[in-house]
PDB file of N, CA and C in Angstrom:
ATOM      1  N   UNK A   1     185.203 115.706 -93.171  1.00  0.00           N
ATOM      2  CA  UNK A   1     185.269 116.918 -93.955  1.00  0.00           C
ATOM      3  C   UNK A   1     185.645 116.619 -95.407  1.00  0.00           C
ATOM      4  N   UNK A   2     186.545 115.627 -95.591  1.00  0.00           N
ATOM      5  CA  UNK A   2     186.947 115.331 -96.967  1.00  0.00           C
ATOM      6  C   UNK A   2     185.787 114.751 -97.770  1.00  0.00           C
ATOM      7  N   UNK A   3     184.834 114.084 -97.098  1.00  0.00           N
ATOM      8  CA  UNK A   3     183.657 113.578 -97.811  1.00  0.00           C
ATOM      9  C   UNK A   3     182.808 114.730 -98.319  1.00  0.00           C
ATOM     10  N   UNK A   4     182.654 115.748 -97.502  1.00  0.00           N
ATOM     11  CA  UNK A   4     181.884 116.909 -97.904  1.00  0.00           C
ATOM     12  C   UNK A   4     182.549 117.613 -99.081  1.00  0.00           C
ATOM     13  N   UNK A   5     183.860 117.703 -99.063  1.00  0.00           N
ATOM     14  CA  UNK A   5     184.578 118.299-100.184  1.00  0.00           C
ATOM     15  C   UNK A   5     184.431 117.460-101.449  1.00  0.00           C
ATOM     16  N   UNK A   6     184.390 116.144-101.284  1.00  0.00           N
ATOM     17  CA  UNK A   6     184.171 115.257-102.426  1.00  0.00           C
ATOM     18  C   UNK A   6     182.799 115.509-103.046  1.00  0.00           C
ATOM     19  N   UNK A   7     181.793 115.681-102.206  1.00  0.00           N
ATOM     20  CA  UNK A   7     180.444 115.965-102.703  1.00  0.00           C
ATOM     21  C   UNK A   7     180.433 117.276-103.478  1.00  0.00           C
ATOM     22  N   UNK A   8     181.042 118.292-102.902  1.00  0.00           N
ATOM     23  CA  UNK A   8     181.066 119.600-103.558  1.00  0.00           C
ATOM     24  C   UNK A   8     181.805 119.518-104.888  1.00  0.00           C
ATOM     25  N   UNK A   9     182.908 118.794-104.924  1.00  0.00           N
ATOM     26  CA  UNK A   9     183.644 118.613-106.166  1.00  0.00           C
ATOM     27  C   UNK A   9     182.792 117.902-107.197  1.00  0.00           C
ATOM     28  N   UNK A  10     182.110 116.838-106.785  1.00  0.00           N
ATOM     29  CA  UNK A  10     181.259 116.088-107.708  1.00  0.00           C
ATOM     30  C   UNK A  10     180.138 116.968-108.244  1.00  0.00           C
ATOM     31  N   UNK A  11     179.573 117.797-107.382  1.00  0.00           N
ATOM     32  CA  UNK A  11     178.503 118.694-107.815  1.00  0.00           C
ATOM     33  C   UNK A  11     179.042 119.748-108.782  1.00  0.00           C
ATOM     34  N   UNK A  12     180.250 120.233-108.574  1.00  0.00           N
ATOM     35  CA  UNK A  12     180.803 121.243-109.471  1.00  0.00           C
ATOM     36  C   UNK A  12     181.100 120.648-110.840  1.00  0.00           C
ATOM     37  N   UNK A  13     181.454 119.377-110.893  1.00  0.00           N
ATOM     38  CA  UNK A  13     181.683 118.712-112.180  1.00  0.00           C
ATOM     39  C   UNK A  13     180.386 118.672-112.971  1.00  0.00           C
ATOM     40  N   UNK A  14     179.255 118.559-112.292  1.00  0.00           N
ATOM     41  CA  UNK A  14     177.967 118.500-112.972  1.00  0.00           C
ATOM     42  C   UNK A  14     177.660 119.761-113.762  1.00  0.00           C
ATOM     43  N   UNK A  15     178.253 120.875-113.394  1.00  0.00           N
ATOM     44  CA  UNK A  15     178.016 122.123-114.117  1.00  0.00           C
ATOM     45  C   UNK A  15     178.484 121.994-115.556  1.00  0.00           C
ATOM     46  N   UNK A  16     179.558 121.234-115.778  1.00  0.00           N
ATOM     47  CA  UNK A  16     180.130 121.091-117.106  1.00  0.00           C
ATOM     48  C   UNK A  16     179.682 119.812-117.818  1.00  0.00           C
ATOM     49  N   UNK A  17     178.766 119.075-117.241  1.00  0.00           N
ATOM     50  CA  UNK A  17     178.379 117.785-117.799  1.00  0.00           C
ATOM     51  C   UNK A  17     177.135 117.861-118.676  1.00  0.00           C
ATOM     52  N   UNK A  18     176.704 119.054-119.036  1.00  0.00           N
ATOM     53  CA  UNK A  18     175.557 119.250-119.915  1.00  0.00           C
ATOM     54  C   UNK A  18     174.306 118.554-119.402  1.00  0.00           C
ATOM     55  N   UNK A  19     174.063 118.644-118.124  1.00  0.00           N
ATOM     56  CA  UNK A  19     172.859 118.095-117.503  1.00  0.00           C
ATOM     57  C   UNK A  19     172.704 116.591-117.707  1.00  0.00           C
ATOM     58  N   UNK A  20     173.807 115.862-117.777  1.00  0.00           N
ATOM     59  CA  UNK A  20     173.742 114.411-117.880  1.00  0.00           C
ATOM     60  C   UNK A  20     173.739 113.764-116.505  1.00  0.00           C
ATOM     61  N   UNK A  21     174.212 114.488-115.499  1.00  0.00           N
ATOM     62  CA  UNK A  21     174.299 113.953-114.147  1.00  0.00           C
ATOM     63  C   UNK A  21     173.724 114.955-113.145  1.00  0.00           C
ATOM     64  N   UNK A  22     173.112 114.417-112.109  1.00  0.00           N
ATOM     65  CA  UNK A  22     172.568 115.232-111.020  1.00  0.00           C
ATOM     66  C   UNK A  22     172.876 114.502-109.724  1.00  0.00           C
ATOM     67  N   UNK A  23     173.138 115.252-108.677  1.00  0.00           N
ATOM     68  CA  UNK A  23     173.331 114.663-107.361  1.00  0.00           C
ATOM     69  C   UNK A  23     172.328 115.297-106.411  1.00  0.00           C
ATOM     70  N   UNK A  24     171.491 114.474-105.812  1.00  0.00           N
ATOM     71  CA  UNK A  24     170.593 114.937-104.760  1.00  0.00           C
ATOM     72  C   UNK A  24     171.290 114.664-103.436  1.00  0.00           C
ATOM     73  N   UNK A  25     171.348 115.673-102.556  1.00  0.00           N
ATOM     74  CA  UNK A  25     171.923 115.441-101.232  1.00  0.00           C
ATOM     75  C   UNK A  25     171.173 116.255-100.211  1.00  0.00           C
ATOM     76  N   UNK A  26     170.924 115.612 -99.089  1.00  0.00           N
ATOM     77  CA  UNK A  26     170.129 116.203 -98.014  1.00  0.00           C
ATOM     78  C   UNK A  26     170.613 115.649 -96.676  1.00  0.00           C
ATOM     79  N   UNK A  27     170.101 116.236 -95.608  1.00  0.00           N
ATOM     80  CA  UNK A  27     170.395 115.729 -94.269  1.00  0.00           C
ATOM     81  C   UNK A  27     169.238 114.901 -93.725  1.00  0.00           C
ATOM     82  N   UNK A  28     168.130 114.857 -94.462  1.00  0.00           N
ATOM     83  CA  UNK A  28     166.967 114.053 -94.056  1.00  0.00           C
ATOM     84  C   UNK A  28     166.549 113.169 -95.218  1.00  0.00           C
ATOM     85  N   UNK A  29     166.247 111.917 -94.909  1.00  0.00           N
ATOM     86  CA  UNK A  29     165.900 110.962 -95.971  1.00  0.00           C
ATOM     87  C   UNK A  29     164.637 111.331 -96.721  1.00  0.00           C
ATOM     88  N   UNK A  30     163.634 111.887 -96.022  1.00  0.00           N
ATOM     89  CA  UNK A  30     162.396 112.229 -96.714  1.00  0.00           C
ATOM     90  C   UNK A  30     162.632 113.338 -97.742  1.00  0.00           C
ATOM     91  N   UNK A  31     163.494 114.282 -97.439  1.00  0.00           N
ATOM     92  CA  UNK A  31     163.829 115.350 -98.392  1.00  0.00           C
ATOM     93  C   UNK A  31     164.634 114.788 -99.561  1.00  0.00           C
ATOM     94  N   UNK A  32     165.525 113.844 -99.278  1.00  0.00           N
ATOM     95  CA  UNK A  32     166.288 113.201-100.345  1.00  0.00           C
ATOM     96  C   UNK A  32     165.354 112.450-101.277  1.00  0.00           C
ATOM     97  N   UNK A  33     164.385 111.752-100.707  1.00  0.00           N
ATOM     98  CA  UNK A  33     163.422 111.013-101.506  1.00  0.00           C
ATOM     99  C   UNK A  33     162.630 111.946-102.423  1.00  0.00           C
ATOM    100  N   UNK A  34     162.257 113.097-101.906  1.00  0.00           N
ATOM    101  CA  UNK A  34     161.539 114.089-102.723  1.00  0.00           C
ATOM    102  C   UNK A  34     162.408 114.552-103.884  1.00  0.00           C
ATOM    103  N   UNK A  35     163.679 114.838-103.612  1.00  0.00           N
ATOM    104  CA  UNK A  35     164.595 115.291-104.662  1.00  0.00           C
ATOM    105  C   UNK A  35     164.768 114.220-105.738  1.00  0.00           C
ATOM    106  N   UNK A  36     164.993 112.980-105.315  1.00  0.00           N
ATOM    107  CA  UNK A  36     165.194 111.888-106.267  1.00  0.00           C
ATOM    108  C   UNK A  36     163.940 111.689-107.115  1.00  0.00           C
ATOM    109  N   UNK A  37     162.785 111.711-106.489  1.00  0.00           N
ATOM    110  CA  UNK A  37     161.521 111.559-107.227  1.00  0.00           C
ATOM    111  C   UNK A  37     161.346 112.687-108.228  1.00  0.00           C
ATOM    112  N   UNK A  38     161.656 113.909-107.819  1.00  0.00           N
ATOM    113  CA  UNK A  38     161.544 115.063-108.703  1.00  0.00           C
ATOM    114  C   UNK A  38     162.464 114.922-109.908  1.00  0.00           C
ATOM    115  N   UNK A  39     163.693 114.498-109.687  1.00  0.00           N
ATOM    116  CA  UNK A  39     164.635 114.345-110.796  1.00  0.00           C
ATOM    117  C   UNK A  39     164.249 113.181-111.702  1.00  0.00           C
ATOM    118  N   UNK A  40     163.651 112.138-111.136  1.00  0.00           N
ATOM    119  CA  UNK A  40     163.218 111.003-111.958  1.00  0.00           C
ATOM    120  C   UNK A  40     162.095 111.416-112.903  1.00  0.00           C
ATOM    121  N   UNK A  41     161.250 112.357-112.493  1.00  0.00           N
ATOM    122  CA  UNK A  41     160.193 112.849-113.390  1.00  0.00           C
ATOM    123  C   UNK A  41     160.788 113.638-114.549  1.00  0.00           C
ATOM    124  N   UNK A  42     162.037 114.090-114.420  1.00  0.00           N
ATOM    125  CA  UNK A  42     162.740 114.821-115.481  1.00  0.00           C
ATOM    126  C   UNK A  42     163.536 113.888-116.382  1.00  0.00           C
ATOM    127  N   UNK A  43     163.469 112.576-116.121  1.00  0.00           N
ATOM    128  CA  UNK A  43     164.144 111.608-116.977  1.00  0.00           C
ATOM    129  C   UNK A  43     165.446 111.045-116.427  1.00  0.00           C
ATOM    130  N   UNK A  44     165.823 111.423-115.222  1.00  0.00           N
ATOM    131  CA  UNK A  44     167.039 110.887-114.615  1.00  0.00           C
ATOM    132  C   UNK A  44     166.740 109.559-113.937  1.00  0.00           C
ATOM    133  N   UNK A  45     167.760 108.702-113.871  1.00  0.00           N
ATOM    134  CA  UNK A  45     167.629 107.431-113.163  1.00  0.00           C
ATOM    135  C   UNK A  45     168.740 107.339-112.119  1.00  0.00           C
ATOM    136  N   UNK A  46     168.465 106.679-110.987  1.00  0.00           N
ATOM    137  CA  UNK A  46     169.506 106.537-109.963  1.00  0.00           C
ATOM    138  C   UNK A  46     170.724 105.802-110.523  1.00  0.00           C
ATOM    139  N   UNK A  47     171.887 106.285-110.171  1.00  0.00           N
ATOM    140  CA  UNK A  47     173.140 105.706-110.640  1.00  0.00           C
ATOM    141  C   UNK A  47     173.977 105.370-109.411  1.00  0.00           C
ATOM    142  N   UNK A  48     174.191 104.109-109.183  1.00  0.00           N
ATOM    143  CA  UNK A  48     174.926 103.702-107.990  1.00  0.00           C
ATOM    144  C   UNK A  48     173.992 103.619-106.792  1.00  0.00           C
ATOM    145  N   UNK A  49     174.589 103.513-105.640  1.00  0.00           N
ATOM    146  CA  UNK A  49     173.789 103.336-104.444  1.00  0.00           C
ATOM    147  C   UNK A  49     173.729 104.622-103.629  1.00  0.00           C
ATOM    148  N   UNK A  50     172.807 104.643-102.693  1.00  0.00           N
ATOM    149  CA  UNK A  50     172.674 105.759-101.774  1.00  0.00           C
ATOM    150  C   UNK A  50     173.921 105.835-100.906  1.00  0.00           C
ATOM    151  N   UNK A  51     174.489 107.014-100.782  1.00  0.00           N
ATOM    152  CA  UNK A  51     175.695 107.218 -99.973  1.00  0.00           C
ATOM    153  C   UNK A  51     175.320 107.940 -98.691  1.00  0.00           C
ATOM    154  N   UNK A  52     175.978 107.560 -97.592  1.00  0.00           N
ATOM    155  CA  UNK A  52     175.728 108.179 -96.294  1.00  0.00           C
ATOM    156  C   UNK A  52     177.064 108.454 -95.616  1.00  0.00           C
ATOM    157  N   UNK A  53     177.207 109.666 -95.096  1.00  0.00           N
ATOM    158  CA  UNK A  53     178.369 109.973 -94.276  1.00  0.00           C
ATOM    159  C   UNK A  53     177.884 110.615 -92.985  1.00  0.00           C
ATOM    160  N   UNK A  54     178.681 110.471 -91.946  1.00  0.00           N
ATOM    161  CA  UNK A  54     178.362 111.076 -90.653  1.00  0.00           C
ATOM    162  C   UNK A  54     179.467 112.060 -90.309  1.00  0.00           C
ATOM    163  N   UNK A  55     179.064 113.255 -89.919  1.00  0.00           N
ATOM    164  CA  UNK A  55     180.014 114.279 -89.542  1.00  0.00           C
ATOM    165  C   UNK A  55     179.442 115.046 -88.348  1.00  0.00           C
ATOM    166  N   UNK A  56     180.121 114.988 -87.226  1.00  0.00           N
ATOM    167  CA  UNK A  56     179.670 115.683 -86.010  1.00  0.00           C
ATOM    168  C   UNK A  56     178.223 115.330 -85.646  1.00  0.00           C
ATOM    169  N   UNK A  57     177.941 114.053 -85.606  1.00  0.00           N
ATOM    170  CA  UNK A  57     176.611 113.536 -85.252  1.00  0.00           C
ATOM    171  C   UNK A  57     175.512 113.971 -86.208  1.00  0.00           C
ATOM    172  N   UNK A  58     175.854 114.387 -87.408  1.00  0.00           N
ATOM    173  CA  UNK A  58     174.876 114.688 -88.451  1.00  0.00           C
ATOM    174  C   UNK A  58     175.113 113.728 -89.602  1.00  0.00           C
ATOM    175  N   UNK A  59     174.047 113.281 -90.201  1.00  0.00           N
ATOM    176  CA  UNK A  59     174.145 112.396 -91.344  1.00  0.00           C
ATOM    177  C   UNK A  59     173.872 113.189 -92.619  1.00  0.00           C
ATOM    178  N   UNK A  60     174.654 112.899 -93.655  1.00  0.00           N
ATOM    179  CA  UNK A  60     174.456 113.488 -94.966  1.00  0.00           C
ATOM    180  C   UNK A  60     174.200 112.340 -95.940  1.00  0.00           C
ATOM    181  N   UNK A  61     173.123 112.445 -96.695  1.00  0.00           N
ATOM    182  CA  UNK A  61     172.737 111.414 -97.654  1.00  0.00           C
ATOM    183  C   UNK A  61     172.824 112.010 -99.053  1.00  0.00           C
ATOM    184  N   UNK A  62     173.364 111.233-100.002  1.00  0.00           N
ATOM    185  CA  UNK A  62     173.320 111.697-101.377  1.00  0.00           C
ATOM    186  C   UNK A  62     173.142 110.542-102.326  1.00  0.00           C
ATOM    187  N   UNK A  63     172.499 110.868-103.438  1.00  0.00           N
ATOM    188  CA  UNK A  63     172.187 109.881-104.476  1.00  0.00           C
ATOM    189  C   UNK A  63     172.515 110.467-105.833  1.00  0.00           C
ATOM    190  N   UNK A  64     173.479 109.899-106.543  1.00  0.00           N
ATOM    191  CA  UNK A  64     173.750 110.371-107.912  1.00  0.00           C
ATOM    192  C   UNK A  64     172.691 109.822-108.880  1.00  0.00           C
ATOM    193  N   UNK A  65     172.361 110.608-109.876  1.00  0.00           N
ATOM    194  CA  UNK A  65     171.429 110.200-110.918  1.00  0.00           C
ATOM    195  C   UNK A  65     172.019 110.569-112.270  1.00  0.00           C
ATOM    196  N   UNK A  66     171.652 109.840-113.309  1.00  0.00           N
ATOM    197  CA  UNK A  66     172.131 110.134-114.663  1.00  0.00           C
ATOM    198  C   UNK A  66     170.983 110.033-115.642  1.00  0.00           C
ATOM    199  N   UNK A  67     171.178 110.619-116.820  1.00  0.00           N
ATOM    200  CA  UNK A  67     170.167 110.537-117.882  1.00  0.00           C
ATOM    201  C   UNK A  67     170.504 109.401-118.802  1.00  0.00           C
TER     202      UNK A  67
END
């Protein structure tokens, strides 16, 4: 649960970052890939590595991107 709260906190920080950072997060890798590709067409680049957490037999994937 604390990982999910960390994600939400990180996403809320992005509101004040003047669109310098974006976080794509999904429960399916193909959807995450679509999000990352979409953001890369807007000029963002992946920042750091793909993160994965497991909660109640569900996987959550997220990828931070920056301009």
